[in-house]
């Protein structure tokens, strides 16, 4: 669905819940997908 590896999905959900509770868990996987996209499109080409 969001092209985020399985381990990153689980880790992102755990970190999001630990940091921001339910709101953090809701935004954790999209945030991980955004970080992955930015690193692939911005940092790797540089």
ModelCIF file with pLDDT and N, C-alpha, C, O atoms, coordinates in Angstrom:
data_MODEL
#
_entry.id   MODEL 
#
_entity.id                         1 
_entity.type                       polymer 
_entity.pdbx_number_of_molecules   1 
#
_entity_poly.entity_id                      1 
_entity_poly.type                           'polypeptide(L)' 
_entity_poly.nstd_linkage                   no 
_entity_poly.nstd_monomer                   no 
_entity_poly.pdbx_seq_one_letter_code       
;(UNK)(UNK)(UNK)(UNK)(UNK)(UNK)(UNK)(UNK)(UNK)(UNK)(UNK)(UNK)(UNK)(UNK)(UNK)(UNK)
(UNK)(UNK)(UNK)(UNK)(UNK)(UNK)(UNK)(UNK)(UNK)(UNK)(UNK)(UNK)(UNK)(UNK)(UNK)(UNK)
(UNK)(UNK)(UNK)(UNK)(UNK)(UNK)(UNK)(UNK)(UNK)(UNK)(UNK)(UNK)(UNK)(UNK)
;
_entity_poly.pdbx_seq_one_letter_code_can   XXXXXXXXXXXXXXXXXXXXXXXXXXXXXXXXXXXXXXXXXXXXXX 
_entity_poly.pdbx_strand_id                 A 
#
loop_
_entity_poly_seq.entity_id 
_entity_poly_seq.num 
_entity_poly_seq.mon_id 
_entity_poly_seq.hetero 
1 1  UNK n 
1 2  UNK n 
1 3  UNK n 
1 4  UNK n 
1 5  UNK n 
1 6  UNK n 
1 7  UNK n 
1 8  UNK n 
1 9  UNK n 
1 10 UNK n 
1 11 UNK n 
1 12 UNK n 
1 13 UNK n 
1 14 UNK n 
1 15 UNK n 
1 16 UNK n 
1 17 UNK n 
1 18 UNK n 
1 19 UNK n 
1 20 UNK n 
1 21 UNK n 
1 22 UNK n 
1 23 UNK n 
1 24 UNK n 
1 25 UNK n 
1 26 UNK n 
1 27 UNK n 
1 28 UNK n 
1 29 UNK n 
1 30 UNK n 
1 31 UNK n 
1 32 UNK n 
1 33 UNK n 
1 34 UNK n 
1 35 UNK n 
1 36 UNK n 
1 37 UNK n 
1 38 UNK n 
1 39 UNK n 
1 40 UNK n 
1 41 UNK n 
1 42 UNK n 
1 43 UNK n 
1 44 UNK n 
1 45 UNK n 
1 46 UNK n 
#
_struct_asym.id          A 
_struct_asym.entity_id   1 
#
loop_
_ma_qa_metric.id 
_ma_qa_metric.mode 
_ma_qa_metric.name 
_ma_qa_metric.software_group_id 
_ma_qa_metric.type 
1 global pLDDT . pLDDT 
2 local  pLDDT . pLDDT 
#
_ma_qa_metric_global.metric_id      1 
_ma_qa_metric_global.metric_value   75.74 
_ma_qa_metric_global.model_id       1 
_ma_qa_metric_global.ordinal_id     1 
#
loop_
_ma_qa_metric_local.label_asym_id 
_ma_qa_metric_local.label_comp_id 
_ma_qa_metric_local.label_seq_id 
_ma_qa_metric_local.metric_id 
_ma_qa_metric_local.metric_value 
_ma_qa_metric_local.model_id 
_ma_qa_metric_local.ordinal_id 
A UNK 1  2 71.00 1 1  
A UNK 2  2 68.00 1 2  
A UNK 3  2 71.00 1 3  
A UNK 4  2 71.00 1 4  
A UNK 5  2 72.00 1 5  
A UNK 6  2 67.00 1 6  
A UNK 7  2 72.00 1 7  
A UNK 8  2 75.00 1 8  
A UNK 9  2 72.00 1 9  
A UNK 10 2 74.00 1 10 
A UNK 11 2 80.00 1 11 
A UNK 12 2 80.00 1 12 
A UNK 13 2 77.00 1 13 
A UNK 14 2 79.00 1 14 
A UNK 15 2 82.00 1 15 
A UNK 16 2 82.00 1 16 
A UNK 17 2 79.00 1 17 
A UNK 18 2 83.00 1 18 
A UNK 19 2 83.00 1 19 
A UNK 20 2 81.00 1 20 
A UNK 21 2 79.00 1 21 
A UNK 22 2 71.00 1 22 
A UNK 23 2 76.00 1 23 
A UNK 24 2 80.00 1 24 
A UNK 25 2 74.00 1 25 
A UNK 26 2 72.00 1 26 
A UNK 27 2 78.00 1 27 
A UNK 28 2 78.00 1 28 
A UNK 29 2 74.00 1 29 
A UNK 30 2 78.00 1 30 
A UNK 31 2 80.00 1 31 
A UNK 32 2 78.00 1 32 
A UNK 33 2 77.00 1 33 
A UNK 34 2 78.00 1 34 
A UNK 35 2 79.00 1 35 
A UNK 36 2 77.00 1 36 
A UNK 37 2 76.00 1 37 
A UNK 38 2 79.00 1 38 
A UNK 39 2 77.00 1 39 
A UNK 40 2 76.00 1 40 
A UNK 41 2 78.00 1 41 
A UNK 42 2 77.00 1 42 
A UNK 43 2 72.00 1 43 
A UNK 44 2 67.00 1 44 
A UNK 45 2 69.00 1 45 
A UNK 46 2 65.00 1 46 
#
loop_
_atom_site.group_PDB 
_atom_site.id 
_atom_site.type_symbol 
_atom_site.label_atom_id 
_atom_site.label_alt_id 
_atom_site.label_comp_id 
_atom_site.label_asym_id 
_atom_site.label_entity_id 
_atom_site.label_seq_id 
_atom_site.pdbx_PDB_ins_code 
_atom_site.Cartn_x 
_atom_site.Cartn_y 
_atom_site.Cartn_z 
_atom_site.occupancy 
_atom_site.B_iso_or_equiv 
_atom_site.pdbx_formal_charge 
_atom_site.auth_seq_id 
_atom_site.auth_comp_id 
_atom_site.auth_asym_id 
_atom_site.auth_atom_id 
_atom_site.pdbx_PDB_model_num 
ATOM 1   N N  . UNK A 1 1  ? 0.819  -1.216 0.000  1.00 71.00 ? 1  UNK A N  1 
ATOM 2   C CA . UNK A 1 1  ? 0.000  0.000  0.000  1.00 71.00 ? 1  UNK A CA 1 
ATOM 3   C C  . UNK A 1 1  ? 0.854  1.268  0.000  1.00 71.00 ? 1  UNK A C  1 
ATOM 4   O O  . UNK A 1 1  ? 0.571  2.197  -0.755 1.00 71.00 ? 1  UNK A O  1 
ATOM 5   N N  . UNK A 1 2  ? 1.883  1.318  0.827  1.00 68.00 ? 2  UNK A N  1 
ATOM 6   C CA . UNK A 1 2  ? 2.692  2.540  0.924  1.00 68.00 ? 2  UNK A CA 1 
ATOM 7   C C  . UNK A 1 2  ? 4.157  2.300  0.599  1.00 68.00 ? 2  UNK A C  1 
ATOM 8   O O  . UNK A 1 2  ? 4.978  3.206  0.743  1.00 68.00 ? 2  UNK A O  1 
ATOM 9   N N  . UNK A 1 3  ? 4.495  1.089  0.161  1.00 71.00 ? 3  UNK A N  1 
ATOM 10  C CA . UNK A 1 3  ? 5.854  0.744  -0.239 1.00 71.00 ? 3  UNK A CA 1 
ATOM 11  C C  . UNK A 1 3  ? 6.861  0.988  0.880  1.00 71.00 ? 3  UNK A C  1 
ATOM 12  O O  . UNK A 1 3  ? 7.949  1.516  0.649  1.00 71.00 ? 3  UNK A O  1 
ATOM 13  N N  . UNK A 1 4  ? 6.484  0.598  2.096  1.00 71.00 ? 4  UNK A N  1 
ATOM 14  C CA . UNK A 1 4  ? 7.368  0.674  3.252  1.00 71.00 ? 4  UNK A CA 1 
ATOM 15  C C  . UNK A 1 4  ? 7.677  -0.760 3.673  1.00 71.00 ? 4  UNK A C  1 
ATOM 16  O O  . UNK A 1 4  ? 6.755  -1.560 3.830  1.00 71.00 ? 4  UNK A O  1 
ATOM 17  N N  . UNK A 1 5  ? 8.951  -1.105 3.859  1.00 72.00 ? 5  UNK A N  1 
ATOM 18  C CA . UNK A 1 5  ? 9.290  -2.470 4.253  1.00 72.00 ? 5  UNK A CA 1 
ATOM 19  C C  . UNK A 1 5  ? 8.595  -2.891 5.552  1.00 72.00 ? 5  UNK A C  1 
ATOM 20  O O  . UNK A 1 5  ? 8.240  -2.052 6.380  1.00 72.00 ? 5  UNK A O  1 
ATOM 21  N N  . UNK A 1 6  ? 8.410  -4.193 5.712  1.00 67.00 ? 6  UNK A N  1 
ATOM 22  C CA . UNK A 1 6  ? 7.680  -4.726 6.859  1.00 67.00 ? 6  UNK A CA 1 
ATOM 23  C C  . UNK A 1 6  ? 8.309  -4.305 8.190  1.00 67.00 ? 6  UNK A C  1 
ATOM 24  O O  . UNK A 1 6  ? 7.602  -3.891 9.110  1.00 67.00 ? 6  UNK A O  1 
ATOM 25  N N  . UNK A 1 7  ? 9.613  -4.410 8.290  1.00 72.00 ? 7  UNK A N  1 
ATOM 26  C CA . UNK A 1 7  ? 10.278 -4.038 9.537  1.00 72.00 ? 7  UNK A CA 1 
ATOM 27  C C  . UNK A 1 7  ? 10.079 -2.553 9.838  1.00 72.00 ? 7  UNK A C  1 
ATOM 28  O O  . UNK A 1 7  ? 9.862  -2.174 10.989 1.00 72.00 ? 7  UNK A O  1 
ATOM 29  N N  . UNK A 1 8  ? 10.153 -1.728 8.819  1.00 75.00 ? 8  UNK A N  1 
ATOM 30  C CA . UNK A 1 8  ? 9.956  -0.287 9.014  1.00 75.00 ? 8  UNK A CA 1 
ATOM 31  C C  . UNK A 1 8  ? 8.528  0.015  9.445  1.00 75.00 ? 8  UNK A C  1 
ATOM 32  O O  . UNK A 1 8  ? 8.302  0.934  10.232 1.00 75.00 ? 8  UNK A O  1 
ATOM 33  N N  . UNK A 1 9  ? 7.565  -0.745 8.943  1.00 72.00 ? 9  UNK A N  1 
ATOM 34  C CA . UNK A 1 9  ? 6.171  -0.559 9.339  1.00 72.00 ? 9  UNK A CA 1 
ATOM 35  C C  . UNK A 1 9  ? 5.990  -0.818 10.826 1.00 72.00 ? 9  UNK A C  1 
ATOM 36  O O  . UNK A 1 9  ? 5.385  -0.015 11.537 1.00 72.00 ? 9  UNK A O  1 
ATOM 37  N N  . UNK A 1 10 ? 6.517  -1.945 11.293 1.00 74.00 ? 10 UNK A N  1 
ATOM 38  C CA . UNK A 1 10 ? 6.371  -2.308 12.706 1.00 74.00 ? 10 UNK A CA 1 
ATOM 39  C C  . UNK A 1 10 ? 7.119  -1.320 13.587 1.00 74.00 ? 10 UNK A C  1 
ATOM 40  O O  . UNK A 1 10 ? 6.588  -0.862 14.598 1.00 74.00 ? 10 UNK A O  1 
ATOM 41  N N  . UNK A 1 11 ? 8.349  -0.989 13.208 1.00 80.00 ? 11 UNK A N  1 
ATOM 42  C CA . UNK A 1 11 ? 9.156  -0.070 14.015 1.00 80.00 ? 11 UNK A CA 1 
ATOM 43  C C  . UNK A 1 11 ? 8.538  1.324  14.039 1.00 80.00 ? 11 UNK A C  1 
ATOM 44  O O  . UNK A 1 11 ? 8.503  1.970  15.086 1.00 80.00 ? 11 UNK A O  1 
ATOM 45  N N  . UNK A 1 12 ? 8.053  1.789  12.892 1.00 80.00 ? 12 UNK A N  1 
ATOM 46  C CA . UNK A 1 12 ? 7.429  3.114  12.840 1.00 80.00 ? 12 UNK A CA 1 
ATOM 47  C C  . UNK A 1 12 ? 6.189  3.172  13.715 1.00 80.00 ? 12 UNK A C  1 
ATOM 48  O O  . UNK A 1 12 ? 5.977  4.152  14.428 1.00 80.00 ? 12 UNK A O  1 
ATOM 49  N N  . UNK A 1 13 ? 5.369  2.130  13.667 1.00 77.00 ? 13 UNK A N  1 
ATOM 50  C CA . UNK A 1 13 ? 4.163  2.112  14.500 1.00 77.00 ? 13 UNK A CA 1 
ATOM 51  C C  . UNK A 1 13 ? 4.521  2.112  15.981 1.00 77.00 ? 13 UNK A C  1 
ATOM 52  O O  . UNK A 1 13 ? 3.873  2.801  16.769 1.00 77.00 ? 13 UNK A O  1 
ATOM 53  N N  . UNK A 1 14 ? 5.541  1.353  16.370 1.00 79.00 ? 14 UNK A N  1 
ATOM 54  C CA . UNK A 1 14 ? 5.955  1.325  17.776 1.00 79.00 ? 14 UNK A CA 1 
ATOM 55  C C  . UNK A 1 14 ? 6.508  2.673  18.223 1.00 79.00 ? 14 UNK A C  1 
ATOM 56  O O  . UNK A 1 14 ? 6.150  3.165  19.293 1.00 79.00 ? 14 UNK A O  1 
ATOM 57  N N  . UNK A 1 15 ? 7.376  3.276  17.412 1.00 82.00 ? 15 UNK A N  1 
ATOM 58  C CA . UNK A 1 15 ? 7.926  4.585  17.766 1.00 82.00 ? 15 UNK A CA 1 
ATOM 59  C C  . UNK A 1 15 ? 6.850  5.651  17.796 1.00 82.00 ? 15 UNK A C  1 
ATOM 60  O O  . UNK A 1 15 ? 6.815  6.474  18.711 1.00 82.00 ? 15 UNK A O  1 
ATOM 61  N N  . UNK A 1 16 ? 5.976  5.643  16.810 1.00 82.00 ? 16 UNK A N  1 
ATOM 62  C CA . UNK A 1 16 ? 4.900  6.628  16.771 1.00 82.00 ? 16 UNK A CA 1 
ATOM 63  C C  . UNK A 1 16 ? 4.003  6.536  17.983 1.00 82.00 ? 16 UNK A C  1 
ATOM 64  O O  . UNK A 1 16 ? 3.625  7.557  18.559 1.00 82.00 ? 16 UNK A O  1 
ATOM 65  N N  . UNK A 1 17 ? 3.655  5.313  18.379 1.00 79.00 ? 17 UNK A N  1 
ATOM 66  C CA . UNK A 1 17 ? 2.804  5.133  19.556 1.00 79.00 ? 17 UNK A CA 1 
ATOM 67  C C  . UNK A 1 17 ? 3.527  5.535  20.828 1.00 79.00 ? 17 UNK A C  1 
ATOM 68  O O  . UNK A 1 17 ? 2.929  6.125  21.728 1.00 79.00 ? 17 UNK A O  1 
ATOM 69  N N  . UNK A 1 18 ? 4.817  5.217  20.906 1.00 83.00 ? 18 UNK A N  1 
ATOM 70  C CA . UNK A 1 18 ? 5.579  5.565  22.101 1.00 83.00 ? 18 UNK A CA 1 
ATOM 71  C C  . UNK A 1 18 ? 5.749  7.081  22.241 1.00 83.00 ? 18 UNK A C  1 
ATOM 72  O O  . UNK A 1 18 ? 5.700  7.612  23.350 1.00 83.00 ? 18 UNK A O  1 
ATOM 73  N N  . UNK A 1 19 ? 5.946  7.770  21.122 1.00 83.00 ? 19 UNK A N  1 
ATOM 74  C CA . UNK A 1 19 ? 6.189  9.204  21.179 1.00 83.00 ? 19 UNK A CA 1 
ATOM 75  C C  . UNK A 1 19 ? 4.910  10.031 21.309 1.00 83.00 ? 19 UNK A C  1 
ATOM 76  O O  . UNK A 1 19 ? 4.855  10.971 22.101 1.00 83.00 ? 19 UNK A O  1 
ATOM 77  N N  . UNK A 1 20 ? 3.882  9.681  20.530 1.00 81.00 ? 20 UNK A N  1 
ATOM 78  C CA . UNK A 1 20 ? 2.694  10.534 20.478 1.00 81.00 ? 20 UNK A CA 1 
ATOM 79  C C  . UNK A 1 20 ? 1.391  9.786  20.762 1.00 81.00 ? 20 UNK A C  1 
ATOM 80  O O  . UNK A 1 20 ? 0.310  10.327 20.527 1.00 81.00 ? 20 UNK A O  1 
ATOM 81  N N  . UNK A 1 21 ? 1.475  8.583  21.252 1.00 79.00 ? 21 UNK A N  1 
ATOM 82  C CA . UNK A 1 21 ? 0.262  7.832  21.568 1.00 79.00 ? 21 UNK A CA 1 
ATOM 83  C C  . UNK A 1 21 ? -0.502 7.436  20.321 1.00 79.00 ? 21 UNK A C  1 
ATOM 84  O O  . UNK A 1 21 ? 0.090  7.060  19.309 1.00 79.00 ? 21 UNK A O  1 
ATOM 85  N N  . UNK A 1 22 ? -1.827 7.523  20.399 1.00 71.00 ? 22 UNK A N  1 
ATOM 86  C CA . UNK A 1 22 ? -2.669 7.077  19.297 1.00 71.00 ? 22 UNK A CA 1 
ATOM 87  C C  . UNK A 1 22 ? -2.450 7.926  18.042 1.00 71.00 ? 22 UNK A C  1 
ATOM 88  O O  . UNK A 1 22 ? -2.441 7.390  16.934 1.00 71.00 ? 22 UNK A O  1 
ATOM 89  N N  . UNK A 1 23 ? -2.277 9.214  18.195 1.00 76.00 ? 23 UNK A N  1 
ATOM 90  C CA . UNK A 1 23 ? -2.033 10.086 17.039 1.00 76.00 ? 23 UNK A CA 1 
ATOM 91  C C  . UNK A 1 23 ? -0.715 9.692  16.368 1.00 76.00 ? 23 UNK A C  1 
ATOM 92  O O  . UNK A 1 23 ? -0.629 9.647  15.141 1.00 76.00 ? 23 UNK A O  1 
ATOM 93  N N  . UNK A 1 24 ? 0.297  9.409  17.168 1.00 80.00 ? 24 UNK A N  1 
ATOM 94  C CA . UNK A 1 24 ? 1.576  8.979  16.618 1.00 80.00 ? 24 UNK A CA 1 
ATOM 95  C C  . UNK A 1 24 ? 1.471  7.678  15.858 1.00 80.00 ? 24 UNK A C  1 
ATOM 96  O O  . UNK A 1 24 ? 2.107  7.512  14.817 1.00 80.00 ? 24 UNK A O  1 
ATOM 97  N N  . UNK A 1 25 ? 0.667  6.743  16.369 1.00 74.00 ? 25 UNK A N  1 
ATOM 98  C CA . UNK A 1 25 ? 0.468  5.473  15.676 1.00 74.00 ? 25 UNK A CA 1 
ATOM 99  C C  . UNK A 1 25 ? -0.258 5.686  14.349 1.00 74.00 ? 25 UNK A C  1 
ATOM 100 O O  . UNK A 1 25 ? 0.015  4.994  13.368 1.00 74.00 ? 25 UNK A O  1 
ATOM 101 N N  . UNK A 1 26 ? -1.178 6.642  14.325 1.00 72.00 ? 26 UNK A N  1 
ATOM 102 C CA . UNK A 1 26 ? -1.914 6.925  13.088 1.00 72.00 ? 26 UNK A CA 1 
ATOM 103 C C  . UNK A 1 26 ? -1.013 7.487  11.995 1.00 72.00 ? 26 UNK A C  1 
ATOM 104 O O  . UNK A 1 26 ? -1.171 7.152  10.821 1.00 72.00 ? 26 UNK A O  1 
ATOM 105 N N  . UNK A 1 27 ? -0.073 8.338  12.380 1.00 78.00 ? 27 UNK A N  1 
ATOM 106 C CA . UNK A 1 27 ? 0.752  9.001  11.368 1.00 78.00 ? 27 UNK A CA 1 
ATOM 107 C C  . UNK A 1 27 ? 2.113  8.347  11.173 1.00 78.00 ? 27 UNK A C  1 
ATOM 108 O O  . UNK A 1 27 ? 2.906  8.816  10.356 1.00 78.00 ? 27 UNK A O  1 
ATOM 109 N N  . UNK A 1 28 ? 2.398  7.289  11.895 1.00 78.00 ? 28 UNK A N  1 
ATOM 110 C CA . UNK A 1 28 ? 3.733  6.691  11.858 1.00 78.00 ? 28 UNK A CA 1 
ATOM 111 C C  . UNK A 1 28 ? 4.081  6.102  10.499 1.00 78.00 ? 28 UNK A C  1 
ATOM 112 O O  . UNK A 1 28 ? 5.147  6.399  9.961  1.00 78.00 ? 28 UNK A O  1 
ATOM 113 N N  . UNK A 1 29 ? 3.215  5.281  9.936  1.00 74.00 ? 29 UNK A N  1 
ATOM 114 C CA . UNK A 1 29 ? 3.542  4.627  8.668  1.00 74.00 ? 29 UNK A CA 1 
ATOM 115 C C  . UNK A 1 29 ? 3.595  5.634  7.514  1.00 74.00 ? 29 UNK A C  1 
ATOM 116 O O  . UNK A 1 29 ? 4.520  5.564  6.705  1.00 74.00 ? 29 UNK A O  1 
ATOM 117 N N  . UNK A 1 30 ? 2.638  6.571  7.405  1.00 78.00 ? 30 UNK A N  1 
ATOM 118 C CA . UNK A 1 30 ? 2.810  7.588  6.354  1.00 78.00 ? 30 UNK A CA 1 
ATOM 119 C C  . UNK A 1 30 ? 4.077  8.418  6.546  1.00 78.00 ? 30 UNK A C  1 
ATOM 120 O O  . UNK A 1 30 ? 4.714  8.809  5.568  1.00 78.00 ? 30 UNK A O  1 
ATOM 121 N N  . UNK A 1 31 ? 4.446  8.690  7.799  1.00 80.00 ? 31 UNK A N  1 
ATOM 122 C CA . UNK A 1 31 ? 5.681  9.438  8.044  1.00 80.00 ? 31 UNK A CA 1 
ATOM 123 C C  . UNK A 1 31 ? 6.894  8.625  7.614  1.00 80.00 ? 31 UNK A C  1 
ATOM 124 O O  . UNK A 1 31 ? 7.833  9.173  7.037  1.00 80.00 ? 31 UNK A O  1 
ATOM 125 N N  . UNK A 1 32 ? 6.884  7.333  7.887  1.00 78.00 ? 32 UNK A N  1 
ATOM 126 C CA . UNK A 1 32 ? 7.991  6.476  7.451  1.00 78.00 ? 32 UNK A CA 1 
ATOM 127 C C  . UNK A 1 32 ? 8.066  6.434  5.931  1.00 78.00 ? 32 UNK A C  1 
ATOM 128 O O  . UNK A 1 32 ? 9.159  6.449  5.363  1.00 78.00 ? 32 UNK A O  1 
ATOM 129 N N  . UNK A 1 33 ? 6.922  6.382  5.272  1.00 77.00 ? 33 UNK A N  1 
ATOM 130 C CA . UNK A 1 33 ? 6.903  6.399  3.809  1.00 77.00 ? 33 UNK A CA 1 
ATOM 131 C C  . UNK A 1 33 ? 7.458  7.724  3.284  1.00 77.00 ? 33 UNK A C  1 
ATOM 132 O O  . UNK A 1 33 ? 8.182  7.741  2.288  1.00 77.00 ? 33 UNK A O  1 
ATOM 133 N N  . UNK A 1 34 ? 7.123  8.833  3.949  1.00 78.00 ? 34 UNK A N  1 
ATOM 134 C CA . UNK A 1 34 ? 7.621  10.148 3.530  1.00 78.00 ? 34 UNK A CA 1 
ATOM 135 C C  . UNK A 1 34 ? 9.138  10.233 3.702  1.00 78.00 ? 34 UNK A C  1 
ATOM 136 O O  . UNK A 1 34 ? 9.835  10.747 2.827  1.00 78.00 ? 34 UNK A O  1 
ATOM 137 N N  . UNK A 1 35 ? 9.642  9.735  4.812  1.00 79.00 ? 35 UNK A N  1 
ATOM 138 C CA . UNK A 1 35 ? 11.094 9.749  5.047  1.00 79.00 ? 35 UNK A CA 1 
ATOM 139 C C  . UNK A 1 35 ? 11.799 8.899  3.998  1.00 79.00 ? 35 UNK A C  1 
ATOM 140 O O  . UNK A 1 35 ? 12.844 9.283  3.474  1.00 79.00 ? 35 UNK A O  1 
ATOM 141 N N  . UNK A 1 36 ? 11.221 7.747  3.700  1.00 77.00 ? 36 UNK A N  1 
ATOM 142 C CA . UNK A 1 36 ? 11.812 6.874  2.682  1.00 77.00 ? 36 UNK A CA 1 
ATOM 143 C C  . UNK A 1 36 ? 11.808 7.553  1.312  1.00 77.00 ? 36 UNK A C  1 
ATOM 144 O O  . UNK A 1 36 ? 12.792 7.475  0.576  1.00 77.00 ? 36 UNK A O  1 
ATOM 145 N N  . UNK A 1 37 ? 10.717 8.209  0.975  1.00 76.00 ? 37 UNK A N  1 
ATOM 146 C CA . UNK A 1 37 ? 10.611 8.891  -0.314 1.00 76.00 ? 37 UNK A CA 1 
ATOM 147 C C  . UNK A 1 37 ? 11.609 10.046 -0.411 1.00 76.00 ? 37 UNK A C  1 
ATOM 148 O O  . UNK A 1 37 ? 12.276 10.207 -1.434 1.00 76.00 ? 37 UNK A O  1 
ATOM 149 N N  . UNK A 1 38 ? 11.712 10.843 0.642  1.00 79.00 ? 38 UNK A N  1 
ATOM 150 C CA . UNK A 1 38 ? 12.646 11.980 0.640  1.00 79.00 ? 38 UNK A CA 1 
ATOM 151 C C  . UNK A 1 38 ? 14.078 11.490 0.527  1.00 79.00 ? 38 UNK A C  1 
ATOM 152 O O  . UNK A 1 38 ? 14.870 12.050 -0.231 1.00 79.00 ? 38 UNK A O  1 
ATOM 153 N N  . UNK A 1 39 ? 14.416 10.452 1.272  1.00 77.00 ? 39 UNK A N  1 
ATOM 154 C CA . UNK A 1 39 ? 15.797 9.952  1.201  1.00 77.00 ? 39 UNK A CA 1 
ATOM 155 C C  . UNK A 1 39 ? 16.102 9.383  -0.177 1.00 77.00 ? 39 UNK A C  1 
ATOM 156 O O  . UNK A 1 39 ? 17.218 9.537  -0.675 1.00 77.00 ? 39 UNK A O  1 
ATOM 157 N N  . UNK A 1 40 ? 15.133 8.733  -0.797 1.00 76.00 ? 40 UNK A N  1 
ATOM 158 C CA . UNK A 1 40 ? 15.362 8.145  -2.120 1.00 76.00 ? 40 UNK A CA 1 
ATOM 159 C C  . UNK A 1 40 ? 15.440 9.218  -3.218 1.00 76.00 ? 40 UNK A C  1 
ATOM 160 O O  . UNK A 1 40 ? 16.236 9.098  -4.149 1.00 76.00 ? 40 UNK A O  1 
ATOM 161 N N  . UNK A 1 41 ? 14.622 10.254 -3.106 1.00 78.00 ? 41 UNK A N  1 
ATOM 162 C CA . UNK A 1 41 ? 14.544 11.258 -4.168 1.00 78.00 ? 41 UNK A CA 1 
ATOM 163 C C  . UNK A 1 41 ? 15.483 12.445 -3.973 1.00 78.00 ? 41 UNK A C  1 
ATOM 164 O O  . UNK A 1 41 ? 15.848 13.098 -4.951 1.00 78.00 ? 41 UNK A O  1 
ATOM 165 N N  . UNK A 1 42 ? 15.885 12.742 -2.730 1.00 77.00 ? 42 UNK A N  1 
ATOM 166 C CA . UNK A 1 42 ? 16.708 13.912 -2.477 1.00 77.00 ? 42 UNK A CA 1 
ATOM 167 C C  . UNK A 1 42 ? 18.133 13.527 -2.087 1.00 77.00 ? 42 UNK A C  1 
ATOM 168 O O  . UNK A 1 42 ? 19.090 13.966 -2.725 1.00 77.00 ? 42 UNK A O  1 
ATOM 169 N N  . UNK A 1 43 ? 18.282 12.718 -1.055 1.00 72.00 ? 43 UNK A N  1 
ATOM 170 C CA . UNK A 1 43 ? 19.619 12.441 -0.525 1.00 72.00 ? 43 UNK A CA 1 
ATOM 171 C C  . UNK A 1 43 ? 20.434 11.514 -1.411 1.00 72.00 ? 43 UNK A C  1 
ATOM 172 O O  . UNK A 1 43 ? 21.626 11.751 -1.606 1.00 72.00 ? 43 UNK A O  1 
ATOM 173 N N  . UNK A 1 44 ? 19.827 10.469 -1.950 1.00 67.00 ? 44 UNK A N  1 
ATOM 174 C CA . UNK A 1 44 ? 20.574 9.548  -2.803 1.00 67.00 ? 44 UNK A CA 1 
ATOM 175 C C  . UNK A 1 44 ? 21.047 10.209 -4.101 1.00 67.00 ? 44 UNK A C  1 
ATOM 176 O O  . UNK A 1 44 ? 22.192 9.986  -4.495 1.00 67.00 ? 44 UNK A O  1 
ATOM 177 N N  . UNK A 1 45 ? 20.229 11.002 -4.780 1.00 69.00 ? 45 UNK A N  1 
ATOM 178 C CA . UNK A 1 45 ? 20.757 11.694 -5.980 1.00 69.00 ? 45 UNK A CA 1 
ATOM 179 C C  . UNK A 1 45 ? 21.897 12.663 -5.656 1.00 69.00 ? 45 UNK A C  1 
ATOM 180 O O  . UNK A 1 45 ? 22.819 12.819 -6.456 1.00 69.00 ? 45 UNK A O  1 
ATOM 181 N N  . UNK A 1 46 ? 21.841 13.303 -4.509 1.00 65.00 ? 46 UNK A N  1 
ATOM 182 C CA . UNK A 1 46 ? 22.929 14.227 -4.125 1.00 65.00 ? 46 UNK A CA 1 
ATOM 183 C C  . UNK A 1 46 ? 24.218 13.446 -3.878 1.00 65.00 ? 46 UNK A C  1 
ATOM 184 O O  . UNK A 1 46 ? 25.245 14.038 -3.547 1.00 65.00 ? 46 UNK A O  1 
#
